[in-house]
Amino acid sequence: MNPGSKKPYIELVTGSVLFGLLGVFVDYLQDVPTGPMIFYKQLFGVLSLLVFIILTGKLSQIIPRKKKRYLLLLGFINTTTLFTYFICIKYTSFSVAILMLYTAPMYVTLLSPLILKEKITRKGIVALVLSFIGLLFIVDMSGITTGFAAGNGYIIGIAAGILAGFSFGSEIVTIRYIKDDYSSVAQLFWYTLIGVVLLLPFAGGVPKPVFADNLNLLILFGVVNTAMAALLYVSGISQIEAQKGSILALLEPVSGIFFDFTILHTPLLANTIIGCIFILLGAYIAVIEKSPRVFGKYFRIQV
């Protein structure tokens, strides 16, 4: 990334905001079972991505060369993230699933020094802590306590959520690790195509009338959430330090809350607003070139 370039940040933020529409799509597609929903989301996404690659003359970019096994690994990790995230939503709630998914920055902070040789900075730790506090405000903690008392289904959801968070963190690190060998377009194309193959058993799991009624929305889901959002997201995060990028990705739940409120008319609670402020503050601290004077004074943050 060119020093001072804002393009990767804009791409990552825009991609995260578009990802925030996931809750809206899931709500509108509630008649479609989870497995088929993910399959067709990925299928229509990879088809629209292939059209984009052909029209822009990027076919040569997607030819596998070095580190082919990492493309397979990325496809498996991405599919695992999607599947476990949706399972967590099914057995718990959307807010709990988001909390579990976005424990990813903690795993990135642990993995990136070992794999990417990135340094852990005090500024990054402060940004991570603020963002996680924000997530805790957003999530209904009493609902988690009640859920655990309810039985095994909730525990399955939490276990799936923990795996989703670790998988998502691993995905971010892997994208950064192979960025010099494969463009964001190539990475996205292959991990989505591999996901389609892995999810193929779910292709017939939706009744034909339900599929026909929801076909247009499934296509839009794939184009917006799998192709457009992911292309911007992968392009941005591949050019930004993994720790910093994983914190910026927390803008997804913030935008998700905004879309839920404006489109689905979900009530907006005071705790949710406070949580969003903490996350936005954490994202701001993560991306600024110099530490704010107040933080530098009291925390002695080192960039």
C-alpha atoms as a PDB file:
ATOM      1  CA  MET A   1       0.000   0.000   0.000  1.00  0.00           C
ATOM      2  CA  ASN A   2       1.270   3.459  -0.853  1.00  0.00           C
ATOM      3  CA  PRO A   3       2.045   5.488   2.279  1.00  0.00           C
ATOM      4  CA  GLY A   4      -0.837   7.823   3.011  1.00  0.00           C
ATOM      5  CA  SER A   5      -3.234   6.064   0.626  1.00  0.00           C
ATOM      6  CA  LYS A   6      -6.796   6.020   1.926  1.00  0.00           C
ATOM      7  CA  LYS A   7      -8.164   3.719  -0.803  1.00  0.00           C
ATOM      8  CA  PRO A   8      -7.742   0.411   1.131  1.00  0.00           C
ATOM      9  CA  TYR A   9      -9.497   1.923   4.143  1.00  0.00           C
ATOM     10  CA  ILE A  10     -12.369   3.185   1.986  1.00  0.00           C
ATOM     11  CA  GLU A  11     -12.680  -0.227   0.331  1.00  0.00           C
ATOM     12  CA  LEU A  12     -12.662  -2.088   3.659  1.00  0.00           C
ATOM     13  CA  VAL A  13     -15.173   0.265   5.277  1.00  0.00           C
ATOM     14  CA  THR A  14     -17.494   0.153   2.237  1.00  0.00           C
ATOM     15  CA  GLY A  15     -17.286  -3.643   2.090  1.00  0.00           C
ATOM     16  CA  SER A  16     -18.022  -3.919   5.822  1.00  0.00           C
ATOM     17  CA  VAL A  17     -21.034  -1.603   5.479  1.00  0.00           C
ATOM     18  CA  LEU A  18     -22.419  -3.716   2.616  1.00  0.00           C
ATOM     19  CA  PHE A  19     -21.836  -6.861   4.694  1.00  0.00           C
ATOM     20  CA  GLY A  20     -24.068  -5.220   7.294  1.00  0.00           C
ATOM     21  CA  LEU A  21     -27.018  -5.878   4.966  1.00  0.00           C
ATOM     22  CA  LEU A  22     -26.730  -9.603   5.735  1.00  0.00           C
ATOM     23  CA  GLY A  23     -29.307  -9.421   8.527  1.00  0.00           C
ATOM     24  CA  VAL A  24     -31.809  -7.776   6.177  1.00  0.00           C
ATOM     25  CA  PHE A  25     -31.346 -10.457   3.528  1.00  0.00           C
ATOM     26  CA  VAL A  26     -31.619 -13.250   6.106  1.00  0.00           C
ATOM     27  CA  ASP A  27     -34.842 -11.740   7.437  1.00  0.00           C
ATOM     28  CA  TYR A  28     -36.381 -11.492   3.969  1.00  0.00           C
ATOM     29  CA  LEU A  29     -35.208 -15.036   3.094  1.00  0.00           C
ATOM     30  CA  GLN A  30     -36.468 -16.677   6.291  1.00  0.00           C
ATOM     31  CA  ASP A  31     -38.469 -19.242   4.274  1.00  0.00           C
ATOM     32  CA  VAL A  32     -35.237 -20.548   2.714  1.00  0.00           C
ATOM     33  CA  PRO A  33     -33.371 -23.139   4.879  1.00  0.00           C
ATOM     34  CA  THR A  34     -29.919 -22.106   6.123  1.00  0.00           C
ATOM     35  CA  GLY A  35     -27.825 -24.559   4.058  1.00  0.00           C
ATOM     36  CA  PRO A  36     -29.421 -23.758   0.685  1.00  0.00           C
ATOM     37  CA  MET A  37     -29.407 -20.037   1.498  1.00  0.00           C
ATOM     38  CA  ILE A  38     -25.628 -20.079   1.964  1.00  0.00           C
ATOM     39  CA  PHE A  39     -25.125 -22.265  -1.116  1.00  0.00           C
ATOM     40  CA  TYR A  40     -27.101 -20.024  -3.477  1.00  0.00           C
ATOM     41  CA  LYS A  41     -25.598 -16.906  -1.940  1.00  0.00           C
ATOM     42  CA  GLN A  42     -22.144 -18.246  -2.842  1.00  0.00           C
ATOM     43  CA  LEU A  43     -23.239 -19.638  -6.225  1.00  0.00           C
ATOM     44  CA  PHE A  44     -24.763 -16.403  -7.520  1.00  0.00           C
ATOM     45  CA  GLY A  45     -21.871 -14.498  -6.001  1.00  0.00           C
ATOM     46  CA  VAL A  46     -19.209 -16.489  -7.849  1.00  0.00           C
ATOM     47  CA  LEU A  47     -21.169 -16.321 -11.121  1.00  0.00           C
ATOM     48  CA  SER A  48     -21.448 -12.530 -10.921  1.00  0.00           C
ATOM     49  CA  LEU A  49     -17.791 -12.348  -9.945  1.00  0.00           C
ATOM     50  CA  LEU A  50     -16.850 -14.433 -13.000  1.00  0.00           C
ATOM     51  CA  VAL A  51     -18.779 -12.003 -15.237  1.00  0.00           C
ATOM     52  CA  PHE A  52     -16.858  -9.115 -13.623  1.00  0.00           C
ATOM     53  CA  ILE A  53     -13.519 -10.894 -14.180  1.00  0.00           C
ATOM     54  CA  ILE A  54     -14.286 -11.535 -17.862  1.00  0.00           C
ATOM     55  CA  LEU A  55     -15.526  -7.983 -18.536  1.00  0.00           C
ATOM     56  CA  THR A  56     -12.479  -6.415 -16.858  1.00  0.00           C
ATOM     57  CA  GLY A  57      -9.951  -8.745 -18.517  1.00  0.00           C
ATOM     58  CA  LYS A  58      -8.688 -10.223 -15.248  1.00  0.00           C
ATOM     59  CA  LEU A  59      -8.874 -13.897 -16.244  1.00  0.00           C
ATOM     60  CA  SER A  60      -5.091 -14.217 -16.122  1.00  0.00           C
ATOM     61  CA  GLN A  61      -5.129 -13.139 -12.460  1.00  0.00           C
ATOM     62  CA  ILE A  62      -7.127 -16.119 -11.272  1.00  0.00           C
ATOM     63  CA  ILE A  63      -4.812 -18.811 -12.653  1.00  0.00           C
ATOM     64  CA  PRO A  64      -3.408 -20.701  -9.626  1.00  0.00           C
ATOM     65  CA  ARG A  65       0.374 -20.474  -9.340  1.00  0.00           C
ATOM     66  CA  LYS A  66       2.217 -20.437  -6.018  1.00  0.00           C
ATOM     67  CA  LYS A  67       0.766 -21.481  -2.665  1.00  0.00           C
ATOM     68  CA  LYS A  68      -2.148 -23.352  -4.248  1.00  0.00           C
ATOM     69  CA  ARG A  69      -2.849 -25.213  -1.038  1.00  0.00           C
ATOM     70  CA  TYR A  70      -3.482 -21.886   0.688  1.00  0.00           C
ATOM     71  CA  LEU A  71      -6.267 -21.146  -1.795  1.00  0.00           C
ATOM     72  CA  LEU A  72      -7.858 -24.465  -0.811  1.00  0.00           C
ATOM     73  CA  LEU A  73      -7.320 -23.620   2.842  1.00  0.00           C
ATOM     74  CA  LEU A  74      -8.885 -20.182   2.361  1.00  0.00           C
ATOM     75  CA  GLY A  75     -11.936 -21.742   0.681  1.00  0.00           C
ATOM     76  CA  PHE A  76     -12.377 -24.204   3.525  1.00  0.00           C
ATOM     77  CA  ILE A  77     -11.903 -21.494   6.182  1.00  0.00           C
ATOM     78  CA  ASN A  78     -14.360 -19.093   4.523  1.00  0.00           C
ATOM     79  CA  THR A  79     -17.007 -21.814   4.192  1.00  0.00           C
ATOM     80  CA  THR A  80     -16.473 -22.802   7.826  1.00  0.00           C
ATOM     81  CA  THR A  81     -16.882 -19.164   8.898  1.00  0.00           C
ATOM     82  CA  LEU A  82     -20.145 -18.777   6.978  1.00  0.00           C
ATOM     83  CA  PHE A  83     -21.639 -22.070   8.098  1.00  0.00           C
ATOM     84  CA  THR A  84     -20.769 -21.753  11.788  1.00  0.00           C
ATOM     85  CA  TYR A  85     -21.910 -18.104  11.826  1.00  0.00           C
ATOM     86  CA  PHE A  86     -25.331 -19.050  10.447  1.00  0.00           C
ATOM     87  CA  ILE A  87     -25.596 -21.974  12.889  1.00  0.00           C
ATOM     88  CA  CYS A  88     -24.836 -19.565  15.736  1.00  0.00           C
ATOM     89  CA  ILE A  89     -27.602 -17.228  14.500  1.00  0.00           C
ATOM     90  CA  LYS A  90     -30.027 -20.167  14.322  1.00  0.00           C
ATOM     91  CA  TYR A  91     -29.415 -21.446  17.862  1.00  0.00           C
ATOM     92  CA  THR A  92     -28.783 -18.154  19.678  1.00  0.00           C
ATOM     93  CA  SER A  93     -29.569 -14.736  18.186  1.00  0.00           C
ATOM     94  CA  PHE A  94     -28.167 -12.322  15.622  1.00  0.00           C
ATOM     95  CA  SER A  95     -26.548 -10.106  18.273  1.00  0.00           C
ATOM     96  CA  VAL A  96     -24.871 -13.046  20.043  1.00  0.00           C
ATOM     97  CA  ALA A  97     -23.636 -14.395  16.694  1.00  0.00           C
ATOM     98  CA  ILE A  98     -22.069 -11.024  15.897  1.00  0.00           C
ATOM     99  CA  LEU A  99     -20.317 -10.986  19.283  1.00  0.00           C
ATOM    100  CA  MET A 100     -18.925 -14.469  18.653  1.00  0.00           C
ATOM    101  CA  LEU A 101     -17.888 -13.712  15.057  1.00  0.00           C
ATOM    102  CA  TYR A 102     -16.103 -10.526  16.020  1.00  0.00           C
ATOM    103  CA  THR A 103     -13.913 -12.118  18.615  1.00  0.00           C
ATOM    104  CA  ALA A 104     -11.822 -12.520  15.429  1.00  0.00           C
ATOM    105  CA  PRO A 105      -9.604  -9.462  16.143  1.00  0.00           C
ATOM    106  CA  MET A 106      -8.368 -11.170  19.302  1.00  0.00           C
ATOM    107  CA  TYR A 107      -7.278 -14.228  17.313  1.00  0.00           C
ATOM    108  CA  VAL A 108      -5.728 -11.975  14.666  1.00  0.00           C
ATOM    109  CA  THR A 109      -3.763 -10.162  17.371  1.00  0.00           C
ATOM    110  CA  LEU A 110      -2.414 -13.519  18.568  1.00  0.00           C
ATOM    111  CA  LEU A 111      -1.733 -15.018  15.119  1.00  0.00           C
ATOM    112  CA  SER A 112      -0.391 -12.056  13.129  1.00  0.00           C
ATOM    113  CA  PRO A 113       2.908 -11.687  15.065  1.00  0.00           C
ATOM    114  CA  LEU A 114       3.604 -15.404  14.522  1.00  0.00           C
ATOM    115  CA  ILE A 115       2.566 -15.695  10.856  1.00  0.00           C
ATOM    116  CA  LEU A 116       2.767 -12.160   9.428  1.00  0.00           C
ATOM    117  CA  LYS A 117       5.494 -10.813  11.735  1.00  0.00           C
ATOM    118  CA  GLU A 118       3.326  -7.825  12.636  1.00  0.00           C
ATOM    119  CA  LYS A 119       4.055  -6.040  15.893  1.00  0.00           C
ATOM    120  CA  ILE A 120       1.422  -5.666  18.590  1.00  0.00           C
ATOM    121  CA  THR A 121       1.133  -1.983  19.534  1.00  0.00           C
ATOM    122  CA  ARG A 122      -0.443  -0.446  22.582  1.00  0.00           C
ATOM    123  CA  LYS A 123      -2.609   1.651  20.292  1.00  0.00           C
ATOM    124  CA  GLY A 124      -3.917  -1.523  18.670  1.00  0.00           C
ATOM    125  CA  ILE A 125      -4.670  -3.088  22.059  1.00  0.00           C
ATOM    126  CA  VAL A 126      -6.601   0.004  23.187  1.00  0.00           C
ATOM    127  CA  ALA A 127      -8.580  -0.003  19.915  1.00  0.00           C
ATOM    128  CA  LEU A 128      -9.339  -3.713  20.352  1.00  0.00           C
ATOM    129  CA  VAL A 129     -10.481  -3.295  23.965  1.00  0.00           C
ATOM    130  CA  LEU A 130     -12.742  -0.345  23.118  1.00  0.00           C
ATOM    131  CA  SER A 131     -14.295  -2.254  20.214  1.00  0.00           C
ATOM    132  CA  PHE A 132     -14.922  -5.346  22.328  1.00  0.00           C
ATOM    133  CA  ILE A 133     -16.525  -3.228  25.068  1.00  0.00           C
ATOM    134  CA  GLY A 134     -18.780  -1.850  22.356  1.00  0.00           C
ATOM    135  CA  LEU A 135     -19.826  -5.364  21.349  1.00  0.00           C
ATOM    136  CA  LEU A 136     -20.654  -6.194  24.971  1.00  0.00           C
ATOM    137  CA  PHE A 137     -22.948  -3.159  25.123  1.00  0.00           C
ATOM    138  CA  ILE A 138     -24.721  -4.257  21.944  1.00  0.00           C
ATOM    139  CA  VAL A 139     -25.319  -7.842  23.074  1.00  0.00           C
ATOM    140  CA  ASP A 140     -28.088  -8.707  25.532  1.00  0.00           C
ATOM    141  CA  MET A 141     -26.002 -10.450  28.188  1.00  0.00           C
ATOM    142  CA  SER A 142     -29.091 -11.491  30.155  1.00  0.00           C
ATOM    143  CA  GLY A 143     -30.235 -13.331  27.023  1.00  0.00           C
ATOM    144  CA  ILE A 144     -26.975 -15.299  27.024  1.00  0.00           C
ATOM    145  CA  THR A 145     -27.507 -16.344  30.650  1.00  0.00           C
ATOM    146  CA  THR A 146     -31.087 -17.395  29.890  1.00  0.00           C
ATOM    147  CA  GLY A 147     -29.919 -19.244  26.781  1.00  0.00           C
ATOM    148  CA  PHE A 148     -27.395 -21.340  28.674  1.00  0.00           C
ATOM    149  CA  ALA A 149     -30.114 -22.334  31.130  1.00  0.00           C
ATOM    150  CA  ALA A 150     -32.401 -23.325  28.256  1.00  0.00           C
ATOM    151  CA  GLY A 151     -30.439 -26.372  27.099  1.00  0.00           C
ATOM    152  CA  ASN A 152     -28.084 -27.954  24.585  1.00  0.00           C
ATOM    153  CA  GLY A 153     -29.246 -26.008  21.511  1.00  0.00           C
ATOM    154  CA  TYR A 154     -27.875 -22.751  22.845  1.00  0.00           C
ATOM    155  CA  ILE A 155     -24.583 -24.374  23.790  1.00  0.00           C
ATOM    156  CA  ILE A 156     -24.288 -25.698  20.212  1.00  0.00           C
ATOM    157  CA  GLY A 157     -24.834 -22.152  18.958  1.00  0.00           C
ATOM    158  CA  ILE A 158     -22.149 -20.703  21.249  1.00  0.00           C
ATOM    159  CA  ALA A 159     -19.680 -23.429  20.252  1.00  0.00           C
ATOM    160  CA  ALA A 160     -20.391 -22.673  16.579  1.00  0.00           C
ATOM    161  CA  GLY A 161     -19.917 -18.962  17.288  1.00  0.00           C
ATOM    162  CA  ILE A 162     -16.527 -19.518  18.932  1.00  0.00           C
ATOM    163  CA  LEU A 163     -15.432 -21.539  15.899  1.00  0.00           C
ATOM    164  CA  ALA A 164     -16.775 -18.785  13.599  1.00  0.00           C
ATOM    165  CA  GLY A 165     -14.682 -16.171  15.399  1.00  0.00           C
ATOM    166  CA  PHE A 166     -11.502 -18.240  15.216  1.00  0.00           C
ATOM    167  CA  SER A 167     -12.189 -19.156  11.591  1.00  0.00           C
ATOM    168  CA  PHE A 168     -12.834 -15.526  10.626  1.00  0.00           C
ATOM    169  CA  GLY A 169      -9.601 -14.442  12.306  1.00  0.00           C
ATOM    170  CA  SER A 170      -7.699 -17.189  10.472  1.00  0.00           C
ATOM    171  CA  GLU A 171      -9.297 -16.049   7.204  1.00  0.00           C
ATOM    172  CA  ILE A 172      -8.024 -12.483   7.665  1.00  0.00           C
ATOM    173  CA  VAL A 173      -4.498 -13.707   8.403  1.00  0.00           C
ATOM    174  CA  THR A 174      -4.536 -16.085   5.407  1.00  0.00           C
ATOM    175  CA  ILE A 175      -5.708 -13.318   3.043  1.00  0.00           C
ATOM    176  CA  ARG A 176      -2.799 -11.167   4.194  1.00  0.00           C
ATOM    177  CA  TYR A 177      -0.346 -14.071   3.945  1.00  0.00           C
ATOM    178  CA  ILE A 178      -0.984 -14.776   0.240  1.00  0.00           C
ATOM    179  CA  LYS A 179      -1.653 -11.188  -0.878  1.00  0.00           C
ATOM    180  CA  ASP A 180       1.668 -10.995  -2.782  1.00  0.00           C
ATOM    181  CA  ASP A 181       0.872 -14.127  -4.791  1.00  0.00           C
ATOM    182  CA  TYR A 182      -2.839 -13.653  -5.496  1.00  0.00           C
ATOM    183  CA  SER A 183      -4.872 -10.501  -6.106  1.00  0.00           C
ATOM    184  CA  SER A 184      -8.006  -9.835  -4.097  1.00  0.00           C
ATOM    185  CA  VAL A 185     -10.079 -10.855  -7.138  1.00  0.00           C
ATOM    186  CA  ALA A 186      -8.275 -14.195  -7.428  1.00  0.00           C
ATOM    187  CA  GLN A 187      -8.560 -14.937  -3.705  1.00  0.00           C
ATOM    188  CA  LEU A 188     -12.260 -14.107  -3.655  1.00  0.00           C
ATOM    189  CA  PHE A 189     -13.021 -16.107  -6.801  1.00  0.00           C
ATOM    190  CA  TRP A 190     -11.291 -19.261  -5.606  1.00  0.00           C
ATOM    191  CA  TYR A 191     -12.465 -19.288  -2.016  1.00  0.00           C
ATOM    192  CA  THR A 192     -16.052 -18.653  -3.143  1.00  0.00           C
ATOM    193  CA  LEU A 193     -15.887 -21.354  -5.846  1.00  0.00           C
ATOM    194  CA  ILE A 194     -14.423 -23.840  -3.367  1.00  0.00           C
ATOM    195  CA  GLY A 195     -17.257 -22.928  -1.002  1.00  0.00           C
ATOM    196  CA  VAL A 196     -19.838 -23.662  -3.711  1.00  0.00           C
ATOM    197  CA  VAL A 197     -18.316 -27.128  -4.212  1.00  0.00           C
ATOM    198  CA  LEU A 198     -18.267 -27.839  -0.467  1.00  0.00           C
ATOM    199  CA  LEU A 199     -21.875 -26.681  -0.072  1.00  0.00           C
ATOM    200  CA  LEU A 200     -23.178 -28.548  -3.133  1.00  0.00           C
ATOM    201  CA  PRO A 201     -25.069 -31.149  -1.012  1.00  0.00           C
ATOM    202  CA  PHE A 202     -27.385 -28.339   0.139  1.00  0.00           C
ATOM    203  CA  ALA A 203     -28.382 -27.327  -3.422  1.00  0.00           C
ATOM    204  CA  GLY A 204     -31.592 -29.358  -3.398  1.00  0.00           C
ATOM    205  CA  GLY A 205     -32.587 -28.611   0.175  1.00  0.00           C
ATOM    206  CA  VAL A 206     -35.204 -25.981  -0.659  1.00  0.00           C
ATOM    207  CA  PRO A 207     -38.705 -26.670  -2.056  1.00  0.00           C
ATOM    208  CA  LYS A 208     -39.100 -25.530  -5.683  1.00  0.00           C
ATOM    209  CA  PRO A 209     -41.956 -23.080  -4.973  1.00  0.00           C
ATOM    210  CA  VAL A 210     -39.908 -21.429  -2.181  1.00  0.00           C
ATOM    211  CA  PHE A 211     -36.849 -21.267  -4.440  1.00  0.00           C
ATOM    212  CA  ALA A 212     -38.859 -19.706  -7.296  1.00  0.00           C
ATOM    213  CA  ASP A 213     -40.439 -17.117  -4.990  1.00  0.00           C
ATOM    214  CA  ASN A 214     -37.051 -16.101  -3.556  1.00  0.00           C
ATOM    215  CA  LEU A 215     -34.866 -16.448  -6.668  1.00  0.00           C
ATOM    216  CA  ASN A 216     -34.507 -12.726  -7.385  1.00  0.00           C
ATOM    217  CA  LEU A 217     -33.612 -11.991  -3.765  1.00  0.00           C
ATOM    218  CA  LEU A 218     -31.098 -14.868  -3.660  1.00  0.00           C
ATOM    219  CA  ILE A 219     -29.410 -13.479  -6.787  1.00  0.00           C
ATOM    220  CA  LEU A 220     -29.285 -10.005  -5.239  1.00  0.00           C
ATOM    221  CA  PHE A 221     -27.919 -11.507  -2.010  1.00  0.00           C
ATOM    222  CA  GLY A 222     -25.111 -13.186  -3.935  1.00  0.00           C
ATOM    223  CA  VAL A 223     -24.267 -10.113  -6.031  1.00  0.00           C
ATOM    224  CA  VAL A 224     -24.272  -7.623  -3.133  1.00  0.00           C
ATOM    225  CA  ASN A 225     -23.023  -9.689  -0.191  1.00  0.00           C
ATOM    226  CA  THR A 226     -20.760 -12.261  -1.843  1.00  0.00           C
ATOM    227  CA  ALA A 227     -19.410 -10.369  -4.858  1.00  0.00           C
ATOM    228  CA  MET A 228     -19.524  -6.587  -4.278  1.00  0.00           C
ATOM    229  CA  ALA A 229     -19.041  -6.486  -0.508  1.00  0.00           C
ATOM    230  CA  ALA A 230     -16.446  -9.258  -0.415  1.00  0.00           C
ATOM    231  CA  LEU A 231     -14.467  -7.834  -3.350  1.00  0.00           C
ATOM    232  CA  LEU A 232     -14.136  -4.459  -1.623  1.00  0.00           C
ATOM    233  CA  TYR A 233     -13.490  -6.113   1.740  1.00  0.00           C
ATOM    234  CA  VAL A 234     -10.755  -8.488   0.531  1.00  0.00           C
ATOM    235  CA  SER A 235      -9.105  -5.758  -1.568  1.00  0.00           C
ATOM    236  CA  GLY A 236      -8.981  -3.436   1.430  1.00  0.00           C
ATOM    237  CA  ILE A 237      -7.950  -5.885   4.119  1.00  0.00           C
ATOM    238  CA  SER A 238      -5.185  -7.400   1.963  1.00  0.00           C
ATOM    239  CA  GLN A 239      -3.446  -3.992   1.957  1.00  0.00           C
ATOM    240  CA  ILE A 240      -3.892  -3.120   5.633  1.00  0.00           C
ATOM    241  CA  GLU A 241      -2.166  -4.625   8.666  1.00  0.00           C
ATOM    242  CA  ALA A 242      -4.213  -7.608   9.810  1.00  0.00           C
ATOM    243  CA  GLN A 243      -4.742  -6.307  13.353  1.00  0.00           C
ATOM    244  CA  LYS A 244      -5.893  -2.910  12.115  1.00  0.00           C
ATOM    245  CA  GLY A 245      -8.102  -4.412   9.398  1.00  0.00           C
ATOM    246  CA  SER A 246      -9.834  -6.817  11.772  1.00  0.00           C
ATOM    247  CA  ILE A 247     -10.811  -3.895  14.031  1.00  0.00           C
ATOM    248  CA  LEU A 248     -12.102  -1.838  11.094  1.00  0.00           C
ATOM    249  CA  ALA A 249     -14.231  -4.824  10.055  1.00  0.00           C
ATOM    250  CA  LEU A 250     -16.202  -4.250  13.267  1.00  0.00           C
ATOM    251  CA  LEU A 251     -18.015  -1.539  11.332  1.00  0.00           C
ATOM    252  CA  GLU A 252     -20.105  -4.397   9.914  1.00  0.00           C
ATOM    253  CA  PRO A 253     -22.206  -4.901  13.075  1.00  0.00           C
ATOM    254  CA  VAL A 254     -22.571  -1.118  13.398  1.00  0.00           C
ATOM    255  CA  SER A 255     -23.916  -0.857   9.858  1.00  0.00           C
ATOM    256  CA  GLY A 256     -26.014  -3.977  10.459  1.00  0.00           C
ATOM    257  CA  ILE A 257     -27.696  -2.261  13.409  1.00  0.00           C
ATOM    258  CA  PHE A 258     -28.307   0.816  11.239  1.00  0.00           C
ATOM    259  CA  PHE A 259     -29.914  -1.244   8.460  1.00  0.00           C
ATOM    260  CA  ASP A 260     -31.983  -3.266  10.936  1.00  0.00           C
ATOM    261  CA  PHE A 261     -33.300  -0.008  12.407  1.00  0.00           C
ATOM    262  CA  THR A 262     -33.972   1.802   9.119  1.00  0.00           C
ATOM    263  CA  ILE A 263     -35.199  -1.124   6.978  1.00  0.00           C
ATOM    264  CA  LEU A 264     -36.553  -3.734   9.398  1.00  0.00           C
ATOM    265  CA  HIS A 265     -37.593  -1.156  12.034  1.00  0.00           C
ATOM    266  CA  THR A 266     -35.854  -3.015  14.836  1.00  0.00           C
ATOM    267  CA  PRO A 267     -35.982  -0.912  18.052  1.00  0.00           C
ATOM    268  CA  LEU A 268     -32.748   0.972  18.766  1.00  0.00           C
ATOM    269  CA  LEU A 269     -31.779   0.770  22.433  1.00  0.00           C
ATOM    270  CA  ALA A 270     -29.536   3.165  24.367  1.00  0.00           C
ATOM    271  CA  ASN A 271     -27.018   0.374  25.054  1.00  0.00           C
ATOM    272  CA  THR A 272     -26.808  -0.310  21.332  1.00  0.00           C
ATOM    273  CA  ILE A 273     -26.000   3.333  20.589  1.00  0.00           C
ATOM    274  CA  ILE A 274     -23.320   3.377  23.303  1.00  0.00           C
ATOM    275  CA  GLY A 275     -21.844   0.141  21.921  1.00  0.00           C
ATOM    276  CA  CYS A 276     -21.672   1.612  18.403  1.00  0.00           C
ATOM    277  CA  ILE A 277     -19.876   4.696  19.752  1.00  0.00           C
ATOM    278  CA  PHE A 278     -17.246   2.494  21.443  1.00  0.00           C
ATOM    279  CA  ILE A 279     -16.718   0.493  18.236  1.00  0.00           C
ATOM    280  CA  LEU A 280     -16.403   3.631  16.116  1.00  0.00           C
ATOM    281  CA  LEU A 281     -13.930   5.087  18.618  1.00  0.00           C
ATOM    282  CA  GLY A 282     -11.899   1.881  18.494  1.00  0.00           C
ATOM    283  CA  ALA A 283     -11.898   1.967  14.689  1.00  0.00           C
ATOM    284  CA  TYR A 284     -10.784   5.621  14.727  1.00  0.00           C
ATOM    285  CA  ILE A 285      -7.871   4.894  17.051  1.00  0.00           C
ATOM    286  CA  ALA A 286      -6.865   1.880  14.938  1.00  0.00           C
ATOM    287  CA  VAL A 287      -6.485   3.869  11.717  1.00  0.00           C
ATOM    288  CA  ILE A 288      -5.073   7.236  12.805  1.00  0.00           C
ATOM    289  CA  GLU A 289      -1.425   7.737  11.947  1.00  0.00           C
ATOM    290  CA  LYS A 290      -0.624   9.357  15.274  1.00  0.00           C
ATOM    291  CA  SER A 291      -2.103   8.625  18.661  1.00  0.00           C
ATOM    292  CA  PRO A 292      -4.527  11.210  20.040  1.00  0.00           C
ATOM    293  CA  ARG A 293      -2.774  13.428  22.561  1.00  0.00           C
ATOM    294  CA  VAL A 294      -5.065  12.409  25.390  1.00  0.00           C
ATOM    295  CA  PHE A 295      -4.357   8.703  24.838  1.00  0.00           C
ATOM    296  CA  GLY A 296      -0.668   9.331  24.405  1.00  0.00           C
ATOM    297  CA  LYS A 297      -0.619  11.198  27.705  1.00  0.00           C
ATOM    298  CA  TYR A 298      -2.488   8.685  29.819  1.00  0.00           C
ATOM    299  CA  PHE A 299      -1.719   5.383  28.115  1.00  0.00           C
ATOM    300  CA  ARG A 300       1.607   6.180  26.429  1.00  0.00           C
ATOM    301  CA  ILE A 301       0.495   4.389  23.286  1.00  0.00           C
ATOM    302  CA  GLN A 302       3.199   3.495  20.818  1.00  0.00           C
ATOM    303  CA  VAL A 303       2.333   3.423  17.117  1.00  0.00           C
END
